[in-house]
PDB file of N, CA and C in Angstrom:
ATOM      1  N   MET A   1      10.057  -3.328 -62.851  1.00  0.00           N
ATOM      2  CA  MET A   1      10.322  -1.958 -63.228  1.00  0.00           C
ATOM      3  C   MET A   1      11.820  -1.711 -63.140  1.00  0.00           C
ATOM      4  N   ALA A   2      12.355  -1.056 -64.127  1.00  0.00           N
ATOM      5  CA  ALA A   2      13.781  -0.754 -64.163  1.00  0.00           C
ATOM      6  C   ALA A   2      14.129   0.333 -63.160  1.00  0.00           C
ATOM      7  N   SER A   3      15.306   0.229 -62.579  1.00  0.00           N
ATOM      8  CA  SER A   3      15.795   1.251 -61.655  1.00  0.00           C
ATOM      9  C   SER A   3      16.421   2.383 -62.450  1.00  0.00           C
ATOM     10  N   PRO A   4      16.306   3.629 -61.944  1.00  0.00           N
ATOM     11  CA  PRO A   4      16.951   4.745 -62.633  1.00  0.00           C
ATOM     12  C   PRO A   4      18.466   4.646 -62.478  1.00  0.00           C
ATOM     13  N   PRO A   5      19.225   5.279 -63.374  1.00  0.00           N
ATOM     14  CA  PRO A   5      20.683   5.260 -63.238  1.00  0.00           C
ATOM     15  C   PRO A   5      21.112   5.970 -61.961  1.00  0.00           C
ATOM     16  N   ASN A   6      22.332   5.696 -61.523  1.00  0.00           N
ATOM     17  CA  ASN A   6      22.846   6.273 -60.280  1.00  0.00           C
ATOM     18  C   ASN A   6      22.968   7.785 -60.318  1.00  0.00           C
ATOM     19  N   ASN A   7      23.033   8.374 -61.508  1.00  0.00           N
ATOM     20  CA  ASN A   7      23.193   9.828 -61.602  1.00  0.00           C
ATOM     21  C   ASN A   7      21.872  10.556 -61.823  1.00  0.00           C
ATOM     22  N   THR A   8      20.763   9.957 -61.432  1.00  0.00           N
ATOM     23  CA  THR A   8      19.468  10.613 -61.572  1.00  0.00           C
ATOM     24  C   THR A   8      19.404  11.823 -60.637  1.00  0.00           C
ATOM     25  N   ALA A   9      19.045  12.960 -61.178  1.00  0.00           N
ATOM     26  CA  ALA A   9      19.031  14.203 -60.414  1.00  0.00           C
ATOM     27  C   ALA A   9      17.690  14.435 -59.736  1.00  0.00           C
ATOM     28  N   THR A  10      17.748  15.178 -58.662  1.00  0.00           N
ATOM     29  CA  THR A  10      16.569  15.683 -57.979  1.00  0.00           C
ATOM     30  C   THR A  10      16.300  17.088 -58.507  1.00  0.00           C
ATOM     31  N   THR A  11      15.042  17.423 -58.713  1.00  0.00           N
ATOM     32  CA  THR A  11      14.673  18.752 -59.174  1.00  0.00           C
ATOM     33  C   THR A  11      14.140  19.559 -57.993  1.00  0.00           C
ATOM     34  N   THR A  12      14.718  20.742 -57.781  1.00  0.00           N
ATOM     35  CA  THR A  12      14.287  21.634 -56.708  1.00  0.00           C
ATOM     36  C   THR A  12      13.761  22.915 -57.334  1.00  0.00           C
ATOM     37  N   ALA A  13      12.507  23.262 -57.045  1.00  0.00           N
ATOM     38  CA  ALA A  13      11.904  24.476 -57.600  1.00  0.00           C
ATOM     39  C   ALA A  13      12.565  25.713 -57.005  1.00  0.00           C
ATOM     40  N   LEU A  14      12.755  26.718 -57.847  1.00  0.00           N
ATOM     41  CA  LEU A  14      13.260  28.001 -57.364  1.00  0.00           C
ATOM     42  C   LEU A  14      12.127  28.769 -56.700  1.00  0.00           C
ATOM     43  N   THR A  15      12.452  29.482 -55.628  1.00  0.00           N
ATOM     44  CA  THR A  15      11.448  30.203 -54.857  1.00  0.00           C
ATOM     45  C   THR A  15      11.235  31.632 -55.341  1.00  0.00           C
ATOM     46  N   GLY A  16      12.127  32.133 -56.214  1.00  0.00           N
ATOM     47  CA  GLY A  16      12.049  33.522 -56.648  1.00  0.00           C
ATOM     48  C   GLY A  16      12.923  34.441 -55.819  1.00  0.00           C
ATOM     49  N   SER A  17      13.473  33.915 -54.727  1.00  0.00           N
ATOM     50  CA  SER A  17      14.394  34.655 -53.866  1.00  0.00           C
ATOM     51  C   SER A  17      15.700  33.878 -53.782  1.00  0.00           C
ATOM     52  N   ASP A  18      16.730  34.510 -53.209  1.00  0.00           N
ATOM     53  CA  ASP A  18      17.974  33.784 -52.961  1.00  0.00           C
ATOM     54  C   ASP A  18      17.647  32.537 -52.164  1.00  0.00           C
ATOM     55  N   GLN A  19      18.263  31.414 -52.512  1.00  0.00           N
ATOM     56  CA  GLN A  19      17.981  30.190 -51.759  1.00  0.00           C
ATOM     57  C   GLN A  19      19.141  29.212 -51.827  1.00  0.00           C
ATOM     58  N   THR A  20      19.283  28.461 -50.752  1.00  0.00           N
ATOM     59  CA  THR A  20      20.223  27.359 -50.707  1.00  0.00           C
ATOM     60  C   THR A  20      19.476  26.115 -51.155  1.00  0.00           C
ATOM     61  N   VAL A  21      19.954  25.495 -52.222  1.00  0.00           N
ATOM     62  CA  VAL A  21      19.307  24.311 -52.793  1.00  0.00           C
ATOM     63  C   VAL A  21      19.877  23.042 -52.166  1.00  0.00           C
ATOM     64  N   LEU A  22      21.168  23.072 -51.832  1.00  0.00           N
ATOM     65  CA  LEU A  22      21.842  21.903 -51.277  1.00  0.00           C
ATOM     66  C   LEU A  22      22.869  22.375 -50.268  1.00  0.00           C
ATOM     67  N   SER A  23      22.930  21.712 -49.128  1.00  0.00           N
ATOM     68  CA  SER A  23      23.972  21.973 -48.132  1.00  0.00           C
ATOM     69  C   SER A  23      24.913  20.777 -48.126  1.00  0.00           C
ATOM     70  N   GLY A  24      26.199  21.036 -48.287  1.00  0.00           N
ATOM     71  CA  GLY A  24      27.179  19.957 -48.310  1.00  0.00           C
ATOM     72  C   GLY A  24      27.466  19.487 -49.718  1.00  0.00           C
ATOM     73  N   GLY A  25      28.215  18.389 -49.807  1.00  0.00           N
ATOM     74  CA  GLY A  25      28.667  17.875 -51.087  1.00  0.00           C
ATOM     75  C   GLY A  25      27.559  17.299 -51.938  1.00  0.00           C
ATOM     76  N   GLY A  26      27.787  17.301 -53.240  1.00  0.00           N
ATOM     77  CA  GLY A  26      26.827  16.742 -54.184  1.00  0.00           C
ATOM     78  C   GLY A  26      27.265  17.001 -55.603  1.00  0.00           C
ATOM     79  N   VAL A  27      26.303  16.943 -56.515  1.00  0.00           N
ATOM     80  CA  VAL A  27      26.577  17.170 -57.933  1.00  0.00           C
ATOM     81  C   VAL A  27      25.523  18.134 -58.486  1.00  0.00           C
ATOM     82  N   PHE A  28      25.992  19.158 -59.182  1.00  0.00           N
ATOM     83  CA  PHE A  28      25.130  20.129 -59.848  1.00  0.00           C
ATOM     84  C   PHE A  28      25.059  19.757 -61.323  1.00  0.00           C
ATOM     85  N   PHE A  29      23.861  19.436 -61.808  1.00  0.00           N
ATOM     86  CA  PHE A  29      23.676  19.051 -63.204  1.00  0.00           C
ATOM     87  C   PHE A  29      23.173  20.185 -64.083  1.00  0.00           C
ATOM     88  N   GLY A  30      22.600  21.239 -63.500  1.00  0.00           N
ATOM     89  CA  GLY A  30      22.100  22.360 -64.287  1.00  0.00           C
ATOM     90  C   GLY A  30      20.755  22.823 -63.798  1.00  0.00           C
ATOM     91  N   GLY A  31      19.959  23.376 -64.719  1.00  0.00           N
ATOM     92  CA  GLY A  31      18.646  23.865 -64.326  1.00  0.00           C
ATOM     93  C   GLY A  31      17.920  24.545 -65.469  1.00  0.00           C
ATOM     94  N   THR A  32      16.729  25.003 -65.147  1.00  0.00           N
ATOM     95  CA  THR A  32      15.878  25.739 -66.067  1.00  0.00           C
ATOM     96  C   THR A  32      15.509  27.058 -65.396  1.00  0.00           C
ATOM     97  N   PHE A  33      15.621  28.142 -66.144  1.00  0.00           N
ATOM     98  CA  PHE A  33      15.415  29.477 -65.590  1.00  0.00           C
ATOM     99  C   PHE A  33      14.509  30.266 -66.526  1.00  0.00           C
ATOM    100  N   THR A  34      13.457  30.870 -65.988  1.00  0.00           N
ATOM    101  CA  THR A  34      12.495  31.637 -66.766  1.00  0.00           C
ATOM    102  C   THR A  34      12.314  33.011 -66.134  1.00  0.00           C
ATOM    103  N   GLU A  35      12.399  34.056 -66.942  1.00  0.00           N
ATOM    104  CA  GLU A  35      12.145  35.414 -66.465  1.00  0.00           C
ATOM    105  C   GLU A  35      10.638  35.604 -66.396  1.00  0.00           C
ATOM    106  N   THR A  36      10.112  36.032 -65.240  1.00  0.00           N
ATOM    107  CA  THR A  36       8.661  36.089 -65.030  1.00  0.00           C
ATOM    108  C   THR A  36       8.102  37.481 -64.797  1.00  0.00           C
ATOM    109  N   GLY A  37       8.943  38.519 -64.808  1.00  0.00           N
ATOM    110  CA  GLY A  37       8.460  39.854 -64.483  1.00  0.00           C
ATOM    111  C   GLY A  37       8.327  40.797 -65.665  1.00  0.00           C
ATOM    112  N   GLY A  38       8.612  40.315 -66.886  1.00  0.00           N
ATOM    113  CA  GLY A  38       8.491  41.169 -68.052  1.00  0.00           C
ATOM    114  C   GLY A  38       9.649  42.125 -68.233  1.00  0.00           C
ATOM    115  N   SER A  39      10.784  41.841 -67.594  1.00  0.00           N
ATOM    116  CA  SER A  39      11.967  42.685 -67.683  1.00  0.00           C
ATOM    117  C   SER A  39      13.181  41.768 -67.808  1.00  0.00           C
ATOM    118  N   THR A  40      14.356  42.289 -67.606  1.00  0.00           N
ATOM    119  CA  THR A  40      15.541  41.434 -67.603  1.00  0.00           C
ATOM    120  C   THR A  40      15.742  40.849 -66.208  1.00  0.00           C
ATOM    121  N   ALA A  41      16.499  39.762 -66.125  1.00  0.00           N
ATOM    122  CA  ALA A  41      16.758  39.124 -64.837  1.00  0.00           C
ATOM    123  C   ALA A  41      18.085  38.384 -64.894  1.00  0.00           C
ATOM    124  N   GLY A  42      18.627  38.101 -63.730  1.00  0.00           N
ATOM    125  CA  GLY A  42      19.875  37.360 -63.676  1.00  0.00           C
ATOM    126  C   GLY A  42      20.052  36.648 -62.352  1.00  0.00           C
ATOM    127  N   CYS A  43      20.895  35.620 -62.378  1.00  0.00           N
ATOM    128  CA  CYS A  43      21.244  34.924 -61.146  1.00  0.00           C
ATOM    129  C   CYS A  43      22.635  34.326 -61.274  1.00  0.00           C
ATOM    130  N   ILE A  44      23.250  34.093 -60.127  1.00  0.00           N
ATOM    131  CA  ILE A  44      24.544  33.433 -60.042  1.00  0.00           C
ATOM    132  C   ILE A  44      24.361  32.211 -59.161  1.00  0.00           C
ATOM    133  N   ILE A  45      24.923  31.093 -59.579  1.00  0.00           N
ATOM    134  CA  ILE A  45      24.836  29.854 -58.813  1.00  0.00           C
ATOM    135  C   ILE A  45      26.226  29.555 -58.273  1.00  0.00           C
ATOM    136  N   TYR A  46      26.308  29.401 -56.954  1.00  0.00           N
ATOM    137  CA  TYR A  46      27.582  29.208 -56.265  1.00  0.00           C
ATOM    138  C   TYR A  46      27.705  27.805 -55.681  1.00  0.00           C
ATOM    139  N   ASP A  47      28.944  27.325 -55.554  1.00  0.00           N
ATOM    140  CA  ASP A  47      29.267  26.165 -54.733  1.00  0.00           C
ATOM    141  C   ASP A  47      29.453  26.705 -53.325  1.00  0.00           C
ATOM    142  N   ASN A  48      28.333  26.854 -52.614  1.00  0.00           N
ATOM    143  CA  ASN A  48      28.356  27.439 -51.279  1.00  0.00           C
ATOM    144  C   ASN A  48      26.933  27.453 -50.727  1.00  0.00           C
ATOM    145  N   THR A  49      26.785  27.873 -49.489  1.00  0.00           N
ATOM    146  CA  THR A  49      25.466  28.098 -48.900  1.00  0.00           C
ATOM    147  C   THR A  49      25.239  29.596 -48.659  1.00  0.00           C
ATOM    148  N   ALA A  50      26.146  30.423 -49.192  1.00  0.00           N
ATOM    149  CA  ALA A  50      26.035  31.884 -49.118  1.00  0.00           C
ATOM    150  C   ALA A  50      26.264  32.439 -50.519  1.00  0.00           C
ATOM    151  N   ASN A  51      25.955  33.719 -50.702  1.00  0.00           N
ATOM    152  CA  ASN A  51      26.105  34.367 -52.010  1.00  0.00           C
ATOM    153  C   ASN A  51      27.559  34.759 -52.256  1.00  0.00           C
ATOM    154  N   SER A  52      28.442  33.774 -52.228  1.00  0.00           N
ATOM    155  CA  SER A  52      29.866  33.985 -52.467  1.00  0.00           C
ATOM    156  C   SER A  52      30.511  32.631 -52.717  1.00  0.00           C
ATOM    157  N   GLY A  53      31.757  32.661 -53.131  1.00  0.00           N
ATOM    158  CA  GLY A  53      32.478  31.413 -53.335  1.00  0.00           C
ATOM    159  C   GLY A  53      32.663  31.104 -54.807  1.00  0.00           C
ATOM    160  N   THR A  54      32.850  29.839 -55.109  1.00  0.00           N
ATOM    161  CA  THR A  54      33.089  29.392 -56.476  1.00  0.00           C
ATOM    162  C   THR A  54      31.807  29.491 -57.294  1.00  0.00           C
ATOM    163  N   ILE A  55      31.878  30.182 -58.421  1.00  0.00           N
ATOM    164  CA  ILE A  55      30.722  30.329 -59.310  1.00  0.00           C
ATOM    165  C   ILE A  55      30.605  29.086 -60.189  1.00  0.00           C
ATOM    166  N   LEU A  56      29.436  28.466 -60.152  1.00  0.00           N
ATOM    167  CA  LEU A  56      29.140  27.310 -61.003  1.00  0.00           C
ATOM    168  C   LEU A  56      28.522  27.736 -62.327  1.00  0.00           C
ATOM    169  N   ALA A  57      27.682  28.761 -62.286  1.00  0.00           N
ATOM    170  CA  ALA A  57      27.019  29.252 -63.494  1.00  0.00           C
ATOM    171  C   ALA A  57      26.500  30.663 -63.243  1.00  0.00           C
ATOM    172  N   LYS A  58      26.377  31.423 -64.316  1.00  0.00           N
ATOM    173  CA  LYS A  58      25.788  32.760 -64.263  1.00  0.00           C
ATOM    174  C   LYS A  58      24.778  32.847 -65.392  1.00  0.00           C
ATOM    175  N   ILE A  59      23.547  33.228 -65.049  1.00  0.00           N
ATOM    176  CA  ILE A  59      22.445  33.255 -66.006  1.00  0.00           C
ATOM    177  C   ILE A  59      21.983  34.695 -66.202  1.00  0.00           C
ATOM    178  N   SER A  60      21.823  35.105 -67.459  1.00  0.00           N
ATOM    179  CA  SER A  60      21.235  36.400 -67.813  1.00  0.00           C
ATOM    180  C   SER A  60      20.040  36.132 -68.709  1.00  0.00           C
ATOM    181  N   LEU A  61      18.907  36.702 -68.347  1.00  0.00           N
ATOM    182  CA  LEU A  61      17.666  36.475 -69.092  1.00  0.00           C
ATOM    183  C   LEU A  61      17.106  37.781 -69.634  1.00  0.00           C
ATOM    184  N   SER A  62      16.624  37.751 -70.865  1.00  0.00           N
ATOM    185  CA  SER A  62      15.898  38.888 -71.418  1.00  0.00           C
ATOM    186  C   SER A  62      14.447  38.801 -70.938  1.00  0.00           C
ATOM    187  N   ALA A  63      13.666  39.831 -71.206  1.00  0.00           N
ATOM    188  CA  ALA A  63      12.256  39.832 -70.821  1.00  0.00           C
ATOM    189  C   ALA A  63      11.567  38.594 -71.372  1.00  0.00           C
ATOM    190  N   ASN A  64      10.891  37.864 -70.510  1.00  0.00           N
ATOM    191  CA  ASN A  64      10.174  36.630 -70.851  1.00  0.00           C
ATOM    192  C   ASN A  64      11.088  35.527 -71.392  1.00  0.00           C
ATOM    193  N   GLY A  65      12.385  35.655 -71.149  1.00  0.00           N
ATOM    194  CA  GLY A  65      13.350  34.686 -71.658  1.00  0.00           C
ATOM    195  C   GLY A  65      13.393  33.409 -70.838  1.00  0.00           C
ATOM    196  N   ILE A  66      13.959  32.375 -71.454  1.00  0.00           N
ATOM    197  CA  ILE A  66      14.144  31.093 -70.786  1.00  0.00           C
ATOM    198  C   ILE A  66      15.535  30.570 -71.137  1.00  0.00           C
ATOM    199  N   GLU A  67      16.172  29.950 -70.168  1.00  0.00           N
ATOM    200  CA  GLU A  67      17.515  29.402 -70.366  1.00  0.00           C
ATOM    201  C   GLU A  67      17.588  28.037 -69.696  1.00  0.00           C
ATOM    202  N   HIS A  68      18.147  27.072 -70.404  1.00  0.00           N
ATOM    203  CA  HIS A  68      18.396  25.742 -69.856  1.00  0.00           C
ATOM    204  C   HIS A  68      19.904  25.553 -69.815  1.00  0.00           C
ATOM    205  N   ILE A  69      20.430  25.064 -68.706  1.00  0.00           N
ATOM    206  CA  ILE A  69      21.836  24.686 -68.658  1.00  0.00           C
ATOM    207  C   ILE A  69      21.909  23.228 -68.243  1.00  0.00           C
ATOM    208  N   ASN A  70      22.867  22.521 -68.830  1.00  0.00           N
ATOM    209  CA  ASN A  70      22.993  21.092 -68.566  1.00  0.00           C
ATOM    210  C   ASN A  70      24.461  20.710 -68.597  1.00  0.00           C
ATOM    211  N   PHE A  71      24.941  20.191 -67.486  1.00  0.00           N
ATOM    212  CA  PHE A  71      26.281  19.622 -67.415  1.00  0.00           C
ATOM    213  C   PHE A  71      26.078  18.115 -67.390  1.00  0.00           C
ATOM    214  N   ALA A  72      26.281  17.457 -68.523  1.00  0.00           N
ATOM    215  CA  ALA A  72      25.916  16.048 -68.706  1.00  0.00           C
ATOM    216  C   ALA A  72      26.467  15.135 -67.617  1.00  0.00           C
ATOM    217  N   ASN A  73      27.694  15.338 -67.221  1.00  0.00           N
ATOM    218  CA  ASN A  73      28.290  14.508 -66.166  1.00  0.00           C
ATOM    219  C   ASN A  73      28.240  15.179 -64.806  1.00  0.00           C
ATOM    220  N   GLY A  74      27.715  16.380 -64.757  1.00  0.00           N
ATOM    221  CA  GLY A  74      27.581  17.105 -63.501  1.00  0.00           C
ATOM    222  C   GLY A  74      28.871  17.771 -63.076  1.00  0.00           C
ATOM    223  N   LEU A  75      28.724  18.741 -62.176  1.00  0.00           N
ATOM    224  CA  LEU A  75      29.853  19.421 -61.549  1.00  0.00           C
ATOM    225  C   LEU A  75      29.836  19.069 -60.071  1.00  0.00           C
ATOM    226  N   ALA A  76      30.916  18.512 -59.561  1.00  0.00           N
ATOM    227  CA  ALA A  76      30.982  18.189 -58.137  1.00  0.00           C
ATOM    228  C   ALA A  76      30.988  19.481 -57.327  1.00  0.00           C
ATOM    229  N   VAL A  77      30.184  19.518 -56.280  1.00  0.00           N
ATOM    230  CA  VAL A  77      30.181  20.653 -55.355  1.00  0.00           C
ATOM    231  C   VAL A  77      30.599  20.152 -53.984  1.00  0.00           C
ATOM    232  N   VAL A  78      31.305  20.993 -53.250  1.00  0.00           N
ATOM    233  CA  VAL A  78      31.818  20.632 -51.936  1.00  0.00           C
ATOM    234  C   VAL A  78      30.964  21.227 -50.829  1.00  0.00           C
ATOM    235  N   ASN A  79      30.578  22.495 -50.988  1.00  0.00           N
ATOM    236  CA  ASN A  79      29.912  23.236 -49.915  1.00  0.00           C
ATOM    237  C   ASN A  79      28.396  23.286 -50.026  1.00  0.00           C
ATOM    238  N   GLY A  80      27.863  23.091 -51.222  1.00  0.00           N
ATOM    239  CA  GLY A  80      26.422  23.171 -51.445  1.00  0.00           C
ATOM    240  C   GLY A  80      26.118  23.875 -52.747  1.00  0.00           C
ATOM    241  N   ILE A  81      24.851  24.183 -52.962  1.00  0.00           N
ATOM    242  CA  ILE A  81      24.422  24.929 -54.143  1.00  0.00           C
ATOM    243  C   ILE A  81      23.554  26.089 -53.664  1.00  0.00           C
ATOM    244  N   ARG A  82      23.973  27.293 -54.025  1.00  0.00           N
ATOM    245  CA  ARG A  82      23.265  28.513 -53.632  1.00  0.00           C
ATOM    246  C   ARG A  82      22.890  29.293 -54.889  1.00  0.00           C
ATOM    247  N   VAL A  83      21.626  29.702 -54.999  1.00  0.00           N
ATOM    248  CA  VAL A  83      21.154  30.518 -56.109  1.00  0.00           C
ATOM    249  C   VAL A  83      20.956  31.942 -55.597  1.00  0.00           C
ATOM    250  N   ASP A  84      21.703  32.872 -56.174  1.00  0.00           N
ATOM    251  CA  ASP A  84      21.631  34.294 -55.833  1.00  0.00           C
ATOM    252  C   ASP A  84      20.914  35.006 -56.975  1.00  0.00           C
ATOM    253  N   ILE A  85      19.668  35.446 -56.723  1.00  0.00           N
ATOM    254  CA  ILE A  85      18.918  36.217 -57.722  1.00  0.00           C
ATOM    255  C   ILE A  85      19.486  37.633 -57.689  1.00  0.00           C
ATOM    256  N   THR A  86      20.214  38.021 -58.730  1.00  0.00           N
ATOM    257  CA  THR A  86      20.900  39.310 -58.738  1.00  0.00           C
ATOM    258  C   THR A  86      20.038  40.442 -59.284  1.00  0.00           C
ATOM    259  N   SER A  87      19.020  40.088 -60.093  1.00  0.00           N
ATOM    260  CA  SER A  87      18.100  41.110 -60.603  1.00  0.00           C
ATOM    261  C   SER A  87      16.858  40.437 -61.161  1.00  0.00           C
ATOM    262  N   GLY A  88      15.755  41.174 -61.169  1.00  0.00           N
ATOM    263  CA  GLY A  88      14.524  40.707 -61.792  1.00  0.00           C
ATOM    264  C   GLY A  88      13.828  39.578 -61.057  1.00  0.00           C
ATOM    265  N   ALA A  89      12.926  38.915 -61.770  1.00  0.00           N
ATOM    266  CA  ALA A  89      12.114  37.840 -61.218  1.00  0.00           C
ATOM    267  C   ALA A  89      12.368  36.569 -62.025  1.00  0.00           C
ATOM    268  N   ILE A  90      12.717  35.491 -61.320  1.00  0.00           N
ATOM    269  CA  ILE A  90      13.069  34.231 -61.977  1.00  0.00           C
ATOM    270  C   ILE A  90      12.313  33.066 -61.333  1.00  0.00           C
ATOM    271  N   ALA A  91      11.756  32.201 -62.168  1.00  0.00           N
ATOM    272  CA  ALA A  91      11.172  30.927 -61.741  1.00  0.00           C
ATOM    273  C   ALA A  91      11.965  29.832 -62.445  1.00  0.00           C
ATOM    274  N   GLY A  92      11.818  28.616 -61.985  1.00  0.00           N
ATOM    275  CA  GLY A  92      12.504  27.497 -62.628  1.00  0.00           C
ATOM    276  C   GLY A  92      12.885  26.433 -61.640  1.00  0.00           C
ATOM    277  N   SER A  93      13.974  25.728 -61.941  1.00  0.00           N
ATOM    278  CA  SER A  93      14.407  24.630 -61.071  1.00  0.00           C
ATOM    279  C   SER A  93      15.895  24.378 -61.223  1.00  0.00           C
ATOM    280  N   ILE A  94      16.453  23.758 -60.182  1.00  0.00           N
ATOM    281  CA  ILE A  94      17.851  23.328 -60.168  1.00  0.00           C
ATOM    282  C   ILE A  94      17.851  21.800 -60.159  1.00  0.00           C
ATOM    283  N   HIS A  95      18.773  21.195 -60.900  1.00  0.00           N
ATOM    284  CA  HIS A  95      18.897  19.744 -60.970  1.00  0.00           C
ATOM    285  C   HIS A  95      20.199  19.341 -60.290  1.00  0.00           C
ATOM    286  N   SER A  96      20.100  18.496 -59.243  1.00  0.00           N
ATOM    287  CA  SER A  96      21.280  18.138 -58.466  1.00  0.00           C
ATOM    288  C   SER A  96      21.096  16.802 -57.766  1.00  0.00           C
ATOM    289  N   THR A  97      22.183  16.302 -57.203  1.00  0.00           N
ATOM    290  CA  THR A  97      22.131  15.133 -56.316  1.00  0.00           C
ATOM    291  C   THR A  97      22.955  15.449 -55.082  1.00  0.00           C
ATOM    292  N   SER A  98      22.692  14.743 -54.019  1.00  0.00           N
ATOM    293  CA  SER A  98      23.476  14.924 -52.793  1.00  0.00           C
ATOM    294  C   SER A  98      24.216  13.648 -52.466  1.00  0.00           C
TER     295      SER A  98
END
């Protein structure tokens, strides 16, 4: 069986609340975000373990919308990956490595 490439990402499911996906250094490759409450929704993804710091991505979703983001070579993170749900209800996943 062939081994996966060294940049194979781990998928972490979103909980629907603010959450720390990774603590410490790693690589953020992107994610999938789905609005689940029938309204608008948004989130900000930080290089941090708190809802502050360097913004990696900002997602805005329409009612029942879906958004995929992909950074092919990844974005290096120093402090971690934090997802701040700023409005609405969001399900999905974050793709990263540590």
